[in-house]
C-alpha atoms as a PDB file:
ATOM      1  CA  UNK A   1      66.609   2.614 266.616  1.00  0.00           C
ATOM      2  CA  UNK A   2      63.770   5.069 266.060  1.00  0.00           C
ATOM      3  CA  UNK A   3      64.247   8.359 264.188  1.00  0.00           C
ATOM      4  CA  UNK A   4      64.361  10.392 267.409  1.00  0.00           C
ATOM      5  CA  UNK A   5      67.277   8.356 268.693  1.00  0.00           C
ATOM      6  CA  UNK A   6      69.053   8.610 265.338  1.00  0.00           C
ATOM      7  CA  UNK A   7      68.672  12.403 265.403  1.00  0.00           C
ATOM      8  CA  UNK A   8      69.963  12.496 268.974  1.00  0.00           C
ATOM      9  CA  UNK A   9      72.853  10.295 267.924  1.00  0.00           C
ATOM     10  CA  UNK A  10      73.893  12.565 265.073  1.00  0.00           C
ATOM     11  CA  UNK A  11      73.799  15.546 267.427  1.00  0.00           C
ATOM     12  CA  UNK A  12      76.239  13.691 269.673  1.00  0.00           C
ATOM     13  CA  UNK A  13      78.775  13.638 266.795  1.00  0.00           C
ATOM     14  CA  UNK A  14      79.093  17.292 265.707  1.00  0.00           C
ATOM     15  CA  UNK A  15      82.834  17.203 265.326  1.00  0.00           C
ATOM     16  CA  UNK A  16      83.737  15.879 261.882  1.00  0.00           C
ATOM     17  CA  UNK A  17      84.371  19.330 260.439  1.00  0.00           C
ATOM     18  CA  UNK A  18      85.822  20.675 263.693  1.00  0.00           C
ATOM     19  CA  UNK A  19      88.481  18.007 263.836  1.00  0.00           C
ATOM     20  CA  UNK A  20      89.092  17.571 260.130  1.00  0.00           C
ATOM     21  CA  UNK A  21      89.658  21.294 259.634  1.00  0.00           C
ATOM     22  CA  UNK A  22      92.061  21.637 262.554  1.00  0.00           C
ATOM     23  CA  UNK A  23      95.351  22.906 261.029  1.00  0.00           C
ATOM     24  CA  UNK A  24      97.622  20.195 262.346  1.00  0.00           C
ATOM     25  CA  UNK A  25     100.987  19.069 261.021  1.00  0.00           C
ATOM     26  CA  UNK A  26     101.848  15.663 259.553  1.00  0.00           C
ATOM     27  CA  UNK A  27      98.240  15.127 258.500  1.00  0.00           C
ATOM     28  CA  UNK A  28      96.676  13.393 261.507  1.00  0.00           C
ATOM     29  CA  UNK A  29      93.765  11.196 260.581  1.00  0.00           C
ATOM     30  CA  UNK A  30      90.630  12.763 259.103  1.00  0.00           C
ATOM     31  CA  UNK A  31      87.659  11.459 261.056  1.00  0.00           C
ATOM     32  CA  UNK A  32      85.138  11.881 258.272  1.00  0.00           C
ATOM     33  CA  UNK A  33      86.361   9.000 256.110  1.00  0.00           C
ATOM     34  CA  UNK A  34      86.371   6.621 259.045  1.00  0.00           C
ATOM     35  CA  UNK A  35      82.780   6.567 260.238  1.00  0.00           C
ATOM     36  CA  UNK A  36      80.334   8.774 258.353  1.00  0.00           C
ATOM     37  CA  UNK A  37      79.480   6.138 255.738  1.00  0.00           C
ATOM     38  CA  UNK A  38      78.406   3.611 258.362  1.00  0.00           C
ATOM     39  CA  UNK A  39      77.091   5.802 261.166  1.00  0.00           C
ATOM     40  CA  UNK A  40      73.449   6.244 260.145  1.00  0.00           C
ATOM     41  CA  UNK A  41      73.215   2.720 258.713  1.00  0.00           C
ATOM     42  CA  UNK A  42      74.465   1.194 261.949  1.00  0.00           C
ATOM     43  CA  UNK A  43      72.257   3.356 264.137  1.00  0.00           C
ATOM     44  CA  UNK A  44      69.207   2.352 262.103  1.00  0.00           C
ATOM     45  CA  UNK A  45      69.978  -1.349 262.457  1.00  0.00           C
ATOM     46  CA  UNK A  46      69.996  -3.480 265.566  1.00  0.00           C
ATOM     47  CA  UNK A  47      72.554  -2.513 268.159  1.00  0.00           C
ATOM     48  CA  UNK A  48      75.910  -4.297 267.841  1.00  0.00           C
ATOM     49  CA  UNK A  49      76.464  -7.321 270.025  1.00  0.00           C
ATOM     50  CA  UNK A  50      79.185  -6.637 272.581  1.00  0.00           C
ATOM     51  CA  UNK A  51      82.068  -9.095 272.541  1.00  0.00           C
ATOM     52  CA  UNK A  52      83.492  -8.066 275.909  1.00  0.00           C
ATOM     53  CA  UNK A  53      82.531  -8.648 279.518  1.00  0.00           C
ATOM     54  CA  UNK A  54      82.028  -5.771 281.920  1.00  0.00           C
ATOM     55  CA  UNK A  55      84.193  -6.336 284.984  1.00  0.00           C
ATOM     56  CA  UNK A  56      83.063  -4.489 288.105  1.00  0.00           C
ATOM     57  CA  UNK A  57      86.009  -2.790 289.798  1.00  0.00           C
ATOM     58  CA  UNK A  58      84.898  -1.977 293.356  1.00  0.00           C
ATOM     59  CA  UNK A  59      85.754   1.319 294.970  1.00  0.00           C
ATOM     60  CA  UNK A  60      88.738   1.182 297.292  1.00  0.00           C
ATOM     61  CA  UNK A  61      92.261   2.432 297.973  1.00  0.00           C
ATOM     62  CA  UNK A  62      95.674   1.583 296.549  1.00  0.00           C
ATOM     63  CA  UNK A  63      99.207   2.923 296.377  1.00  0.00           C
ATOM     64  CA  UNK A  64      99.895   4.351 292.932  1.00  0.00           C
ATOM     65  CA  UNK A  65     103.226   4.902 291.198  1.00  0.00           C
ATOM     66  CA  UNK A  66     106.582   3.218 290.931  1.00  0.00           C
ATOM     67  CA  UNK A  67     110.311   3.585 291.627  1.00  0.00           C
ATOM     68  CA  UNK A  68     112.063   6.895 291.147  1.00  0.00           C
ATOM     69  CA  UNK A  69     113.847   5.736 287.992  1.00  0.00           C
ATOM     70  CA  UNK A  70     111.464   7.871 285.944  1.00  0.00           C
ATOM     71  CA  UNK A  71     110.383  11.103 287.531  1.00  0.00           C
ATOM     72  CA  UNK A  72     106.859  11.224 286.070  1.00  0.00           C
ATOM     73  CA  UNK A  73     105.839   7.901 287.695  1.00  0.00           C
ATOM     74  CA  UNK A  74     107.023   8.814 291.193  1.00  0.00           C
ATOM     75  CA  UNK A  75     106.605   9.311 294.076  1.00  0.00           C
ATOM     76  CA  UNK A  76     104.289   6.556 295.235  1.00  0.00           C
ATOM     77  CA  UNK A  77     101.124   7.969 296.746  1.00  0.00           C
ATOM     78  CA  UNK A  78      97.828   6.651 298.093  1.00  0.00           C
ATOM     79  CA  UNK A  79      94.620   6.987 296.087  1.00  0.00           C
ATOM     80  CA  UNK A  80      91.061   6.425 297.261  1.00  0.00           C
ATOM     81  CA  UNK A  81      88.541   5.713 294.504  1.00  0.00           C
ATOM     82  CA  UNK A  82      85.180   6.969 295.734  1.00  0.00           C
ATOM     83  CA  UNK A  83      83.189   5.336 292.947  1.00  0.00           C
ATOM     84  CA  UNK A  84      83.034   1.792 291.597  1.00  0.00           C
ATOM     85  CA  UNK A  85      83.359   1.465 287.844  1.00  0.00           C
ATOM     86  CA  UNK A  86      83.095  -1.056 285.037  1.00  0.00           C
ATOM     87  CA  UNK A  87      86.076  -1.942 282.857  1.00  0.00           C
ATOM     88  CA  UNK A  88      85.955  -4.103 279.728  1.00  0.00           C
ATOM     89  CA  UNK A  89      87.717  -7.417 280.214  1.00  0.00           C
ATOM     90  CA  UNK A  90      89.564  -6.843 276.935  1.00  0.00           C
ATOM     91  CA  UNK A  91      90.371  -4.099 274.471  1.00  0.00           C
ATOM     92  CA  UNK A  92      88.025  -3.091 271.660  1.00  0.00           C
ATOM     93  CA  UNK A  93      88.305  -5.738 268.959  1.00  0.00           C
ATOM     94  CA  UNK A  94      88.297  -5.148 265.242  1.00  0.00           C
ATOM     95  CA  UNK A  95      85.043  -7.108 265.224  1.00  0.00           C
ATOM     96  CA  UNK A  96      83.432  -4.454 267.450  1.00  0.00           C
ATOM     97  CA  UNK A  97      85.030  -1.586 265.539  1.00  0.00           C
ATOM     98  CA  UNK A  98      83.543  -2.717 262.197  1.00  0.00           C
ATOM     99  CA  UNK A  99      80.048  -1.972 263.601  1.00  0.00           C
ATOM    100  CA  UNK A 100      81.094   1.641 263.925  1.00  0.00           C
ATOM    101  CA  UNK A 101      83.484   2.608 261.141  1.00  0.00           C
ATOM    102  CA  UNK A 102      83.487   2.190 257.378  1.00  0.00           C
ATOM    103  CA  UNK A 103      87.126   1.152 257.337  1.00  0.00           C
ATOM    104  CA  UNK A 104      89.528  -0.739 259.571  1.00  0.00           C
ATOM    105  CA  UNK A 105      92.560   1.444 260.336  1.00  0.00           C
ATOM    106  CA  UNK A 106      94.580  -1.355 261.947  1.00  0.00           C
ATOM    107  CA  UNK A 107      98.055  -2.310 260.837  1.00  0.00           C
ATOM    108  CA  UNK A 108      97.344  -6.008 261.514  1.00  0.00           C
ATOM    109  CA  UNK A 109      93.961  -7.275 260.375  1.00  0.00           C
ATOM    110  CA  UNK A 110      91.885  -9.855 262.246  1.00  0.00           C
ATOM    111  CA  UNK A 111      88.461  -9.736 263.888  1.00  0.00           C
ATOM    112  CA  UNK A 112      89.892 -11.183 267.126  1.00  0.00           C
ATOM    113  CA  UNK A 113      92.762  -8.694 267.208  1.00  0.00           C
ATOM    114  CA  UNK A 114      92.546  -5.326 268.993  1.00  0.00           C
ATOM    115  CA  UNK A 115      91.842  -2.323 266.814  1.00  0.00           C
ATOM    116  CA  UNK A 116      94.790   0.093 266.650  1.00  0.00           C
ATOM    117  CA  UNK A 117      95.841   3.190 264.746  1.00  0.00           C
ATOM    118  CA  UNK A 118      92.833   4.968 266.272  1.00  0.00           C
ATOM    119  CA  UNK A 119      93.292   8.487 267.639  1.00  0.00           C
ATOM    120  CA  UNK A 120      92.029   9.511 271.082  1.00  0.00           C
ATOM    121  CA  UNK A 121      89.279  11.590 269.467  1.00  0.00           C
ATOM    122  CA  UNK A 122      88.135   8.594 267.417  1.00  0.00           C
ATOM    123  CA  UNK A 123      88.216   6.494 270.580  1.00  0.00           C
ATOM    124  CA  UNK A 124      85.816   8.843 272.380  1.00  0.00           C
ATOM    125  CA  UNK A 125      83.638   8.886 269.277  1.00  0.00           C
ATOM    126  CA  UNK A 126      83.377   5.109 269.546  1.00  0.00           C
ATOM    127  CA  UNK A 127      82.488   5.484 273.241  1.00  0.00           C
ATOM    128  CA  UNK A 128      79.619   7.811 272.316  1.00  0.00           C
ATOM    129  CA  UNK A 129      78.434   5.470 269.558  1.00  0.00           C
ATOM    130  CA  UNK A 130      78.265   2.450 271.843  1.00  0.00           C
ATOM    131  CA  UNK A 131      76.633   4.500 274.613  1.00  0.00           C
ATOM    132  CA  UNK A 132      73.829   5.490 272.259  1.00  0.00           C
ATOM    133  CA  UNK A 133      73.408   1.918 271.025  1.00  0.00           C
ATOM    134  CA  UNK A 134      73.084   0.722 274.646  1.00  0.00           C
ATOM    135  CA  UNK A 135      70.733   3.533 275.699  1.00  0.00           C
ATOM    136  CA  UNK A 136      73.222   5.398 277.901  1.00  0.00           C
ATOM    137  CA  UNK A 137      73.972   9.107 278.057  1.00  0.00           C
ATOM    138  CA  UNK A 138      77.058  10.161 276.091  1.00  0.00           C
ATOM    139  CA  UNK A 139      80.084  11.376 278.053  1.00  0.00           C
ATOM    140  CA  UNK A 140      81.730  13.442 275.325  1.00  0.00           C
ATOM    141  CA  UNK A 141      80.701  16.431 273.240  1.00  0.00           C
ATOM    142  CA  UNK A 142      82.564  18.694 270.855  1.00  0.00           C
ATOM    143  CA  UNK A 143      81.043  22.121 270.655  1.00  0.00           C
ATOM    144  CA  UNK A 144      82.490  25.449 269.618  1.00  0.00           C
ATOM    145  CA  UNK A 145      85.839  23.851 268.839  1.00  0.00           C
ATOM    146  CA  UNK A 146      86.180  22.317 272.314  1.00  0.00           C
ATOM    147  CA  UNK A 147      86.024  18.721 273.494  1.00  0.00           C
ATOM    148  CA  UNK A 148      83.918  18.479 276.654  1.00  0.00           C
ATOM    149  CA  UNK A 149      83.797  15.543 279.044  1.00  0.00           C
ATOM    150  CA  UNK A 150      80.911  15.112 281.477  1.00  0.00           C
ATOM    151  CA  UNK A 151      81.658  12.659 284.285  1.00  0.00           C
ATOM    152  CA  UNK A 152      78.038  12.690 285.452  1.00  0.00           C
ATOM    153  CA  UNK A 153      76.954  10.829 282.286  1.00  0.00           C
ATOM    154  CA  UNK A 154      76.430   7.074 282.617  1.00  0.00           C
ATOM    155  CA  UNK A 155      77.770   6.083 279.188  1.00  0.00           C
ATOM    156  CA  UNK A 156      80.971   4.474 277.979  1.00  0.00           C
ATOM    157  CA  UNK A 157      84.197   6.396 278.278  1.00  0.00           C
ATOM    158  CA  UNK A 158      87.915   5.827 278.488  1.00  0.00           C
ATOM    159  CA  UNK A 159      89.330   4.892 281.896  1.00  0.00           C
ATOM    160  CA  UNK A 160      91.097   7.536 283.897  1.00  0.00           C
ATOM    161  CA  UNK A 161      94.742   6.788 284.574  1.00  0.00           C
ATOM    162  CA  UNK A 162      94.010   6.190 288.269  1.00  0.00           C
ATOM    163  CA  UNK A 163      91.307   3.661 287.364  1.00  0.00           C
ATOM    164  CA  UNK A 164      93.551   1.971 284.817  1.00  0.00           C
ATOM    165  CA  UNK A 165      96.383   1.322 287.291  1.00  0.00           C
ATOM    166  CA  UNK A 166      93.941   0.311 290.033  1.00  0.00           C
ATOM    167  CA  UNK A 167      92.368  -2.290 287.728  1.00  0.00           C
ATOM    168  CA  UNK A 168      95.734  -3.446 286.362  1.00  0.00           C
ATOM    169  CA  UNK A 169      96.992  -4.125 289.890  1.00  0.00           C
ATOM    170  CA  UNK A 170      93.668  -5.823 290.742  1.00  0.00           C
ATOM    171  CA  UNK A 171      94.252  -5.695 294.483  1.00  0.00           C
ATOM    172  CA  UNK A 172      97.761  -7.188 294.360  1.00  0.00           C
ATOM    173  CA  UNK A 173      99.693  -4.101 295.457  1.00  0.00           C
ATOM    174  CA  UNK A 174     103.375  -3.937 294.603  1.00  0.00           C
ATOM    175  CA  UNK A 175     103.863  -7.686 294.605  1.00  0.00           C
ATOM    176  CA  UNK A 176     102.917  -7.828 290.921  1.00  0.00           C
ATOM    177  CA  UNK A 177     105.043  -6.020 288.342  1.00  0.00           C
ATOM    178  CA  UNK A 178     102.793  -6.787 285.378  1.00  0.00           C
ATOM    179  CA  UNK A 179      99.023  -7.094 285.210  1.00  0.00           C
ATOM    180  CA  UNK A 180      98.414 -10.698 286.256  1.00  0.00           C
ATOM    181  CA  UNK A 181     101.916 -12.006 286.865  1.00  0.00           C
ATOM    182  CA  UNK A 182     105.538 -11.282 287.699  1.00  0.00           C
ATOM    183  CA  UNK A 183     106.483 -13.316 284.624  1.00  0.00           C
ATOM    184  CA  UNK A 184     106.164 -11.177 281.518  1.00  0.00           C
ATOM    185  CA  UNK A 185     105.759 -14.222 279.249  1.00  0.00           C
ATOM    186  CA  UNK A 186     102.561 -15.254 281.069  1.00  0.00           C
ATOM    187  CA  UNK A 187     100.746 -12.036 280.213  1.00  0.00           C
ATOM    188  CA  UNK A 188     102.552 -10.715 277.134  1.00  0.00           C
ATOM    189  CA  UNK A 189     104.304 -11.850 273.974  1.00  0.00           C
ATOM    190  CA  UNK A 190     106.757  -8.964 274.330  1.00  0.00           C
ATOM    191  CA  UNK A 191     110.376  -9.834 275.047  1.00  0.00           C
ATOM    192  CA  UNK A 192     112.378  -8.292 277.884  1.00  0.00           C
ATOM    193  CA  UNK A 193     114.260  -6.051 275.437  1.00  0.00           C
ATOM    194  CA  UNK A 194     111.179  -4.997 273.479  1.00  0.00           C
ATOM    195  CA  UNK A 195     109.218  -6.158 270.409  1.00  0.00           C
ATOM    196  CA  UNK A 196     106.933  -9.161 270.501  1.00  0.00           C
ATOM    197  CA  UNK A 197     108.332 -12.391 269.149  1.00  0.00           C
ATOM    198  CA  UNK A 198     106.366 -12.005 265.915  1.00  0.00           C
ATOM    199  CA  UNK A 199     106.474  -8.179 266.049  1.00  0.00           C
ATOM    200  CA  UNK A 200     102.732  -7.586 265.989  1.00  0.00           C
ATOM    201  CA  UNK A 201      99.603  -7.497 268.132  1.00  0.00           C
ATOM    202  CA  UNK A 202      98.283 -10.767 269.541  1.00  0.00           C
ATOM    203  CA  UNK A 203      94.822 -12.315 269.654  1.00  0.00           C
ATOM    204  CA  UNK A 204      92.756 -10.894 272.501  1.00  0.00           C
ATOM    205  CA  UNK A 205      92.547 -12.998 275.683  1.00  0.00           C
ATOM    206  CA  UNK A 206      95.378 -15.269 274.522  1.00  0.00           C
ATOM    207  CA  UNK A 207      97.405 -14.675 277.691  1.00  0.00           C
ATOM    208  CA  UNK A 208      96.664 -15.031 281.404  1.00  0.00           C
ATOM    209  CA  UNK A 209      94.176 -12.522 282.909  1.00  0.00           C
ATOM    210  CA  UNK A 210      94.788 -10.657 286.135  1.00  0.00           C
ATOM    211  CA  UNK A 211      93.104 -11.444 289.469  1.00  0.00           C
ATOM    212  CA  UNK A 212      89.926  -9.595 288.442  1.00  0.00           C
ATOM    213  CA  UNK A 213      89.611 -11.425 285.120  1.00  0.00           C
ATOM    214  CA  UNK A 214      90.905  -8.564 282.963  1.00  0.00           C
ATOM    215  CA  UNK A 215      93.051  -9.482 279.963  1.00  0.00           C
ATOM    216  CA  UNK A 216      95.749  -7.780 277.914  1.00  0.00           C
ATOM    217  CA  UNK A 217      96.670  -4.942 280.253  1.00  0.00           C
ATOM    218  CA  UNK A 218     100.350  -5.704 279.656  1.00  0.00           C
ATOM    219  CA  UNK A 219     102.256  -5.652 276.404  1.00  0.00           C
ATOM    220  CA  UNK A 220      99.702  -6.062 273.602  1.00  0.00           C
ATOM    221  CA  UNK A 221      98.852  -2.406 273.009  1.00  0.00           C
ATOM    222  CA  UNK A 222      99.098   0.723 275.059  1.00  0.00           C
ATOM    223  CA  UNK A 223      95.614   1.937 275.960  1.00  0.00           C
ATOM    224  CA  UNK A 224      94.186   5.435 275.737  1.00  0.00           C
ATOM    225  CA  UNK A 225      93.268   6.996 279.087  1.00  0.00           C
ATOM    226  CA  UNK A 226      90.951   9.877 279.858  1.00  0.00           C
ATOM    227  CA  UNK A 227      93.665  12.209 281.186  1.00  0.00           C
ATOM    228  CA  UNK A 228      95.912  14.883 279.761  1.00  0.00           C
ATOM    229  CA  UNK A 229      99.476  13.855 280.537  1.00  0.00           C
ATOM    230  CA  UNK A 230     100.963  15.940 283.355  1.00  0.00           C
ATOM    231  CA  UNK A 231     104.592  15.212 284.200  1.00  0.00           C
ATOM    232  CA  UNK A 232     104.104  16.722 287.671  1.00  0.00           C
ATOM    233  CA  UNK A 233     100.753  15.197 288.615  1.00  0.00           C
ATOM    234  CA  UNK A 234     102.169  12.670 291.101  1.00  0.00           C
ATOM    235  CA  UNK A 235     104.274  15.316 292.807  1.00  0.00           C
ATOM    236  CA  UNK A 236     101.254  17.611 293.067  1.00  0.00           C
ATOM    237  CA  UNK A 237      99.157  14.910 294.729  1.00  0.00           C
ATOM    238  CA  UNK A 238     101.970  13.994 297.095  1.00  0.00           C
ATOM    239  CA  UNK A 239     102.233  17.601 298.297  1.00  0.00           C
ATOM    240  CA  UNK A 240      98.587  17.575 299.315  1.00  0.00           C
ATOM    241  CA  UNK A 241      97.843  17.810 303.025  1.00  0.00           C
ATOM    242  CA  UNK A 242      95.612  14.741 302.685  1.00  0.00           C
ATOM    243  CA  UNK A 243      97.276  11.388 303.316  1.00  0.00           C
ATOM    244  CA  UNK A 244      95.133   9.810 300.611  1.00  0.00           C
ATOM    245  CA  UNK A 245      94.107  11.565 297.384  1.00  0.00           C
ATOM    246  CA  UNK A 246      90.373  11.120 296.707  1.00  0.00           C
ATOM    247  CA  UNK A 247      89.190  10.471 293.154  1.00  0.00           C
ATOM    248  CA  UNK A 248      85.560  10.467 292.028  1.00  0.00           C
ATOM    249  CA  UNK A 249      84.990   9.917 288.296  1.00  0.00           C
ATOM    250  CA  UNK A 250      81.378  11.066 288.381  1.00  0.00           C
ATOM    251  CA  UNK A 251      82.505  14.524 289.535  1.00  0.00           C
ATOM    252  CA  UNK A 252      85.216  14.801 286.877  1.00  0.00           C
ATOM    253  CA  UNK A 253      84.855  17.119 283.907  1.00  0.00           C
ATOM    254  CA  UNK A 254      87.232  18.823 281.499  1.00  0.00           C
ATOM    255  CA  UNK A 255      87.413  20.759 278.236  1.00  0.00           C
ATOM    256  CA  UNK A 256      90.147  20.600 275.607  1.00  0.00           C
ATOM    257  CA  UNK A 257      90.351  23.280 272.861  1.00  0.00           C
ATOM    258  CA  UNK A 258      90.973  21.632 269.489  1.00  0.00           C
ATOM    259  CA  UNK A 259      92.858  24.731 268.370  1.00  0.00           C
ATOM    260  CA  UNK A 260      95.567  23.772 270.881  1.00  0.00           C
ATOM    261  CA  UNK A 261      96.167  20.407 269.176  1.00  0.00           C
ATOM    262  CA  UNK A 262      98.071  21.651 266.130  1.00  0.00           C
ATOM    263  CA  UNK A 263     101.350  19.900 266.748  1.00  0.00           C
ATOM    264  CA  UNK A 264     102.338  16.408 267.850  1.00  0.00           C
ATOM    265  CA  UNK A 265     103.765  17.843 271.085  1.00  0.00           C
ATOM    266  CA  UNK A 266     100.453  19.515 271.987  1.00  0.00           C
ATOM    267  CA  UNK A 267      97.734  17.992 274.194  1.00  0.00           C
ATOM    268  CA  UNK A 268      99.287  14.665 275.008  1.00  0.00           C
ATOM    269  CA  UNK A 269      96.942  12.099 276.520  1.00  0.00           C
ATOM    270  CA  UNK A 270      98.062   9.358 278.889  1.00  0.00           C
ATOM    271  CA  UNK A 271      98.439   5.851 277.448  1.00  0.00           C
ATOM    272  CA  UNK A 272      99.126   2.821 279.638  1.00  0.00           C
ATOM    273  CA  UNK A 273     100.132  -0.825 279.501  1.00  0.00           C
ATOM    274  CA  UNK A 274     103.022  -1.096 277.080  1.00  0.00           C
ATOM    275  CA  UNK A 275     102.708  -2.444 273.546  1.00  0.00           C
ATOM    276  CA  UNK A 276     104.167  -5.150 271.297  1.00  0.00           C
ATOM    277  CA  UNK A 277     107.067  -2.721 270.804  1.00  0.00           C
ATOM    278  CA  UNK A 278     107.862  -1.847 274.419  1.00  0.00           C
ATOM    279  CA  UNK A 279     110.432  -3.520 276.647  1.00  0.00           C
ATOM    280  CA  UNK A 280     110.067  -5.176 280.058  1.00  0.00           C
ATOM    281  CA  UNK A 281     110.563  -1.886 281.952  1.00  0.00           C
ATOM    282  CA  UNK A 282     108.030  -0.010 279.847  1.00  0.00           C
ATOM    283  CA  UNK A 283     105.285  -2.611 280.303  1.00  0.00           C
ATOM    284  CA  UNK A 284     104.946  -2.493 284.092  1.00  0.00           C
ATOM    285  CA  UNK A 285     101.681  -1.536 285.755  1.00  0.00           C
ATOM    286  CA  UNK A 286     103.039   1.816 286.921  1.00  0.00           C
ATOM    287  CA  UNK A 287     104.786   2.917 283.692  1.00  0.00           C
ATOM    288  CA  UNK A 288     103.375   6.034 282.052  1.00  0.00           C
ATOM    289  CA  UNK A 289     103.375   6.888 278.337  1.00  0.00           C
ATOM    290  CA  UNK A 290     101.663   9.600 276.273  1.00  0.00           C
ATOM    291  CA  UNK A 291     100.398  10.309 272.756  1.00  0.00           C
ATOM    292  CA  UNK A 292      98.906  13.355 271.017  1.00  0.00           C
ATOM    293  CA  UNK A 293      95.112  13.049 270.959  1.00  0.00           C
ATOM    294  CA  UNK A 294      94.777  13.536 267.180  1.00  0.00           C
ATOM    295  CA  UNK A 295      97.514  11.109 266.187  1.00  0.00           C
ATOM    296  CA  UNK A 296      96.782   7.377 265.818  1.00  0.00           C
ATOM    297  CA  UNK A 297      99.473   4.791 266.481  1.00  0.00           C
ATOM    298  CA  UNK A 298      99.892   1.073 265.787  1.00  0.00           C
ATOM    299  CA  UNK A 299     101.003   0.831 269.420  1.00  0.00           C
ATOM    300  CA  UNK A 300      97.781   2.237 270.966  1.00  0.00           C
ATOM    301  CA  UNK A 301      94.299   0.715 271.324  1.00  0.00           C
ATOM    302  CA  UNK A 302      91.060   1.236 273.275  1.00  0.00           C
ATOM    303  CA  UNK A 303      89.576  -0.191 276.451  1.00  0.00           C
ATOM    304  CA  UNK A 304      86.126   0.907 277.583  1.00  0.00           C
ATOM    305  CA  UNK A 305      85.056   2.014 281.043  1.00  0.00           C
ATOM    306  CA  UNK A 306      81.799   3.148 282.579  1.00  0.00           C
ATOM    307  CA  UNK A 307      80.962   4.686 285.948  1.00  0.00           C
ATOM    308  CA  UNK A 308      78.599   2.750 288.213  1.00  0.00           C
ATOM    309  CA  UNK A 309      75.984   5.092 289.693  1.00  0.00           C
END
């Protein structure tokens, strides 16, 4: 990369001090030690080779949600996606992560394993890094102590929860309980009562993909989404006068004040898919989970998305 692009890149990452100085409990991860040592070096070198395929998810409609067993995932309601988008065929590998960070935070080490123990803020940092390497506009900015998301940018981002479930179902409707099969063992190493057989993450793409060729959307790791968790969001959409809720990622934008992220219970982001730890019921395509955006977990990883303009 030339010096102008490196300067632009550094300006896209103004949030080391903002995040590291946030007075949060239980010492959530400090971002500075994770990427600063490698950032300039990697930006000056050739761009990292992507080890994932970009699957085009066409715009369309689907019925979102599940049974009323858990209030936050009901009622079922129709969604129309106004914009096609790209979703990575697999989660971010540790091989990809090493291009970005000076250390591997994962609990289980292996270049063909998904990276985990990465906070939501670190995940969006990785999105910005890869966007710059690929010549795209960055979707995220932290300025004045606030995280800003710009849906009109063409760079990498995390999938919105609506997009995640749409892609996990891959046009199969309610016939498929898990992403790619009704048999959990075909798509996950997790047992029906929880915990994978060897109690760890599995090699990426080692189970059956879904109908769109997307792997590991069930039971390897939960995946960060681009939404604040709202227990009432499905009920709010269902009360709308419109029969079908319209969603357009390119028109989406939000801001999150870092000062509001001081405790684990604050600013919970949606995570989806179920992990090596979760049971049969908590790995279904409609099951919702959440995690504080500053707190990494060995049960949460990253999958990249990008809006098609």
